[in-house]
């Protein structure tokens, strides 16, 4: 078990086990956000990334401060943050495709921008 490799304190392991399900869900929910980050970085679209991150942060902040009291709510707020960021970037992704298509057509036609 991973936790026993990190600590030998039984209380810490017991406490960490309560939140282990969040750790198993987090990678599958976050992969889209990170892939979209890579696409937007590669396409040099920092404004869209900034806007998506700001929207996701506001969502996180509202959830984290509305439902105080447990780490479960904190984990839920964080994973919602990732989903909102991924959703916003997915929503804005067609702009990248359109810009890439226009750029490719200009290059093929030899038109300077």
C-alpha atoms as a PDB file:
ATOM      1  CA  UNK A   1       0.000   0.000   0.000  1.00  0.00           C
ATOM      2  CA  UNK A   2       1.249   3.462  -0.864  1.00  0.00           C
ATOM      3  CA  UNK A   3       0.316   5.022   2.462  1.00  0.00           C
ATOM      4  CA  UNK A   4       2.459   2.610   4.460  1.00  0.00           C
ATOM      5  CA  UNK A   5       5.420   3.606   2.294  1.00  0.00           C
ATOM      6  CA  UNK A   6       4.816   7.259   3.179  1.00  0.00           C
ATOM      7  CA  UNK A   7       4.249   6.938   6.938  1.00  0.00           C
ATOM      8  CA  UNK A   8       4.149   4.378   9.701  1.00  0.00           C
ATOM      9  CA  UNK A   9       1.710   6.369  11.867  1.00  0.00           C
ATOM     10  CA  UNK A  10      -1.515   4.378  12.053  1.00  0.00           C
ATOM     11  CA  UNK A  11      -3.614   7.480  12.777  1.00  0.00           C
ATOM     12  CA  UNK A  12      -2.335   9.248   9.672  1.00  0.00           C
ATOM     13  CA  UNK A  13      -2.991   6.188   7.507  1.00  0.00           C
ATOM     14  CA  UNK A  14      -6.496   5.811   8.923  1.00  0.00           C
ATOM     15  CA  UNK A  15      -7.244   9.482   8.300  1.00  0.00           C
ATOM     16  CA  UNK A  16      -5.839   9.368   4.757  1.00  0.00           C
ATOM     17  CA  UNK A  17      -7.891   6.293   3.880  1.00  0.00           C
ATOM     18  CA  UNK A  18     -11.066   8.343   4.359  1.00  0.00           C
ATOM     19  CA  UNK A  19     -10.105  10.447   1.335  1.00  0.00           C
ATOM     20  CA  UNK A  20      -8.457   7.823  -0.833  1.00  0.00           C
ATOM     21  CA  UNK A  21     -11.474   7.567  -3.153  1.00  0.00           C
ATOM     22  CA  UNK A  22     -10.933  11.199  -4.169  1.00  0.00           C
ATOM     23  CA  UNK A  23      -7.351  10.338  -5.086  1.00  0.00           C
ATOM     24  CA  UNK A  24      -8.532   7.565  -7.359  1.00  0.00           C
ATOM     25  CA  UNK A  25     -11.103   9.768  -9.105  1.00  0.00           C
ATOM     26  CA  UNK A  26      -8.917  12.861  -9.508  1.00  0.00           C
ATOM     27  CA  UNK A  27      -6.694  11.674 -12.392  1.00  0.00           C
ATOM     28  CA  UNK A  28      -9.589  10.606 -14.585  1.00  0.00           C
ATOM     29  CA  UNK A  29     -11.438  13.883 -13.999  1.00  0.00           C
ATOM     30  CA  UNK A  30      -8.393  16.096 -14.465  1.00  0.00           C
ATOM     31  CA  UNK A  31      -6.894  14.638 -17.636  1.00  0.00           C
ATOM     32  CA  UNK A  32      -9.085  16.694 -19.982  1.00  0.00           C
ATOM     33  CA  UNK A  33      -8.154  19.939 -18.240  1.00  0.00           C
ATOM     34  CA  UNK A  34      -4.451  19.185 -18.532  1.00  0.00           C
ATOM     35  CA  UNK A  35      -4.663  18.060 -22.165  1.00  0.00           C
ATOM     36  CA  UNK A  36      -6.582  21.208 -23.047  1.00  0.00           C
ATOM     37  CA  UNK A  37      -3.952  23.275 -21.196  1.00  0.00           C
ATOM     38  CA  UNK A  38      -1.320  21.740 -23.452  1.00  0.00           C
ATOM     39  CA  UNK A  39      -3.307  22.526 -26.579  1.00  0.00           C
ATOM     40  CA  UNK A  40      -3.855  26.124 -25.575  1.00  0.00           C
ATOM     41  CA  UNK A  41      -0.196  26.571 -24.596  1.00  0.00           C
ATOM     42  CA  UNK A  42       0.870  25.121 -27.943  1.00  0.00           C
ATOM     43  CA  UNK A  43      -1.560  27.384 -29.766  1.00  0.00           C
ATOM     44  CA  UNK A  44      -0.294  30.367 -27.760  1.00  0.00           C
ATOM     45  CA  UNK A  45      -3.731  31.298 -26.462  1.00  0.00           C
ATOM     46  CA  UNK A  46      -3.000  32.622 -22.965  1.00  0.00           C
ATOM     47  CA  UNK A  47      -6.112  34.785 -22.715  1.00  0.00           C
ATOM     48  CA  UNK A  48      -8.451  31.829 -23.008  1.00  0.00           C
ATOM     49  CA  UNK A  49      -6.402  29.899 -20.468  1.00  0.00           C
ATOM     50  CA  UNK A  50      -6.484  32.850 -18.083  1.00  0.00           C
ATOM     51  CA  UNK A  51     -10.236  33.249 -18.482  1.00  0.00           C
ATOM     52  CA  UNK A  52     -10.896  29.534 -17.988  1.00  0.00           C
ATOM     53  CA  UNK A  53      -8.685  29.468 -14.912  1.00  0.00           C
ATOM     54  CA  UNK A  54     -10.377  32.535 -13.450  1.00  0.00           C
ATOM     55  CA  UNK A  55     -13.827  31.033 -14.029  1.00  0.00           C
ATOM     56  CA  UNK A  56     -12.696  27.743 -12.487  1.00  0.00           C
ATOM     57  CA  UNK A  57     -11.126  29.546  -9.514  1.00  0.00           C
ATOM     58  CA  UNK A  58     -14.317  31.490  -8.846  1.00  0.00           C
ATOM     59  CA  UNK A  59     -16.276  28.238  -8.936  1.00  0.00           C
ATOM     60  CA  UNK A  60     -13.804  26.646  -6.535  1.00  0.00           C
ATOM     61  CA  UNK A  61     -13.873  29.635  -4.196  1.00  0.00           C
ATOM     62  CA  UNK A  62     -17.670  29.730  -4.034  1.00  0.00           C
ATOM     63  CA  UNK A  63     -17.951  26.001  -3.376  1.00  0.00           C
ATOM     64  CA  UNK A  64     -15.090  25.901  -0.885  1.00  0.00           C
ATOM     65  CA  UNK A  65     -16.486  28.800   1.116  1.00  0.00           C
ATOM     66  CA  UNK A  66     -20.140  27.805   0.877  1.00  0.00           C
ATOM     67  CA  UNK A  67     -19.749  24.205   2.004  1.00  0.00           C
ATOM     68  CA  UNK A  68     -17.178  24.407   4.764  1.00  0.00           C
ATOM     69  CA  UNK A  69     -16.620  21.689   7.247  1.00  0.00           C
ATOM     70  CA  UNK A  70     -14.887  18.722   5.703  1.00  0.00           C
ATOM     71  CA  UNK A  71     -12.158  17.704   3.339  1.00  0.00           C
ATOM     72  CA  UNK A  72     -14.788  15.994   1.192  1.00  0.00           C
ATOM     73  CA  UNK A  73     -16.231  19.364   0.247  1.00  0.00           C
ATOM     74  CA  UNK A  74     -12.749  20.687  -0.445  1.00  0.00           C
ATOM     75  CA  UNK A  75     -12.017  17.763  -2.747  1.00  0.00           C
ATOM     76  CA  UNK A  76     -15.377  18.214  -4.478  1.00  0.00           C
ATOM     77  CA  UNK A  77     -14.656  21.913  -4.998  1.00  0.00           C
ATOM     78  CA  UNK A  78     -11.206  21.151  -6.430  1.00  0.00           C
ATOM     79  CA  UNK A  79     -12.479  18.518  -8.852  1.00  0.00           C
ATOM     80  CA  UNK A  80     -15.317  20.827  -9.899  1.00  0.00           C
ATOM     81  CA  UNK A  81     -12.654  23.477 -10.544  1.00  0.00           C
ATOM     82  CA  UNK A  82     -10.906  21.059 -12.910  1.00  0.00           C
ATOM     83  CA  UNK A  83     -14.145  20.177 -14.686  1.00  0.00           C
ATOM     84  CA  UNK A  84     -15.116  23.836 -15.141  1.00  0.00           C
ATOM     85  CA  UNK A  85     -11.673  24.660 -16.522  1.00  0.00           C
ATOM     86  CA  UNK A  86     -11.806  21.721 -18.922  1.00  0.00           C
ATOM     87  CA  UNK A  87     -15.347  22.638 -19.981  1.00  0.00           C
ATOM     88  CA  UNK A  88     -14.447  26.263 -20.665  1.00  0.00           C
ATOM     89  CA  UNK A  89     -11.399  25.290 -22.703  1.00  0.00           C
ATOM     90  CA  UNK A  90     -13.405  22.707 -24.635  1.00  0.00           C
ATOM     91  CA  UNK A  91     -15.984  25.386 -25.354  1.00  0.00           C
ATOM     92  CA  UNK A  92     -13.293  27.704 -26.728  1.00  0.00           C
ATOM     93  CA  UNK A  93     -11.369  24.986 -28.578  1.00  0.00           C
ATOM     94  CA  UNK A  94     -13.154  25.482 -31.938  1.00  0.00           C
ATOM     95  CA  UNK A  95     -11.571  28.952 -32.086  1.00  0.00           C
ATOM     96  CA  UNK A  96      -8.137  27.327 -32.161  1.00  0.00           C
ATOM     97  CA  UNK A  97      -9.206  25.007 -34.956  1.00  0.00           C
ATOM     98  CA  UNK A  98     -10.634  27.892 -36.973  1.00  0.00           C
ATOM     99  CA  UNK A  99      -7.501  29.993 -36.487  1.00  0.00           C
ATOM    100  CA  UNK A 100      -5.262  27.077 -37.458  1.00  0.00           C
ATOM    101  CA  UNK A 101      -7.355  26.401 -40.559  1.00  0.00           C
ATOM    102  CA  UNK A 102      -7.231  30.062 -41.612  1.00  0.00           C
ATOM    103  CA  UNK A 103      -3.468  30.178 -41.023  1.00  0.00           C
ATOM    104  CA  UNK A 104      -2.947  27.010 -43.058  1.00  0.00           C
ATOM    105  CA  UNK A 105      -5.007  28.375 -45.947  1.00  0.00           C
ATOM    106  CA  UNK A 106      -3.032  31.622 -45.914  1.00  0.00           C
ATOM    107  CA  UNK A 107       0.239  29.720 -45.983  1.00  0.00           C
ATOM    108  CA  UNK A 108      -0.905  27.481 -48.838  1.00  0.00           C
ATOM    109  CA  UNK A 109      -2.093  30.473 -50.850  1.00  0.00           C
ATOM    110  CA  UNK A 110       1.061  32.452 -50.055  1.00  0.00           C
ATOM    111  CA  UNK A 111      -0.904  35.298 -48.511  1.00  0.00           C
ATOM    112  CA  UNK A 112       0.937  37.393 -45.920  1.00  0.00           C
ATOM    113  CA  UNK A 113      -1.059  38.225 -42.828  1.00  0.00           C
END
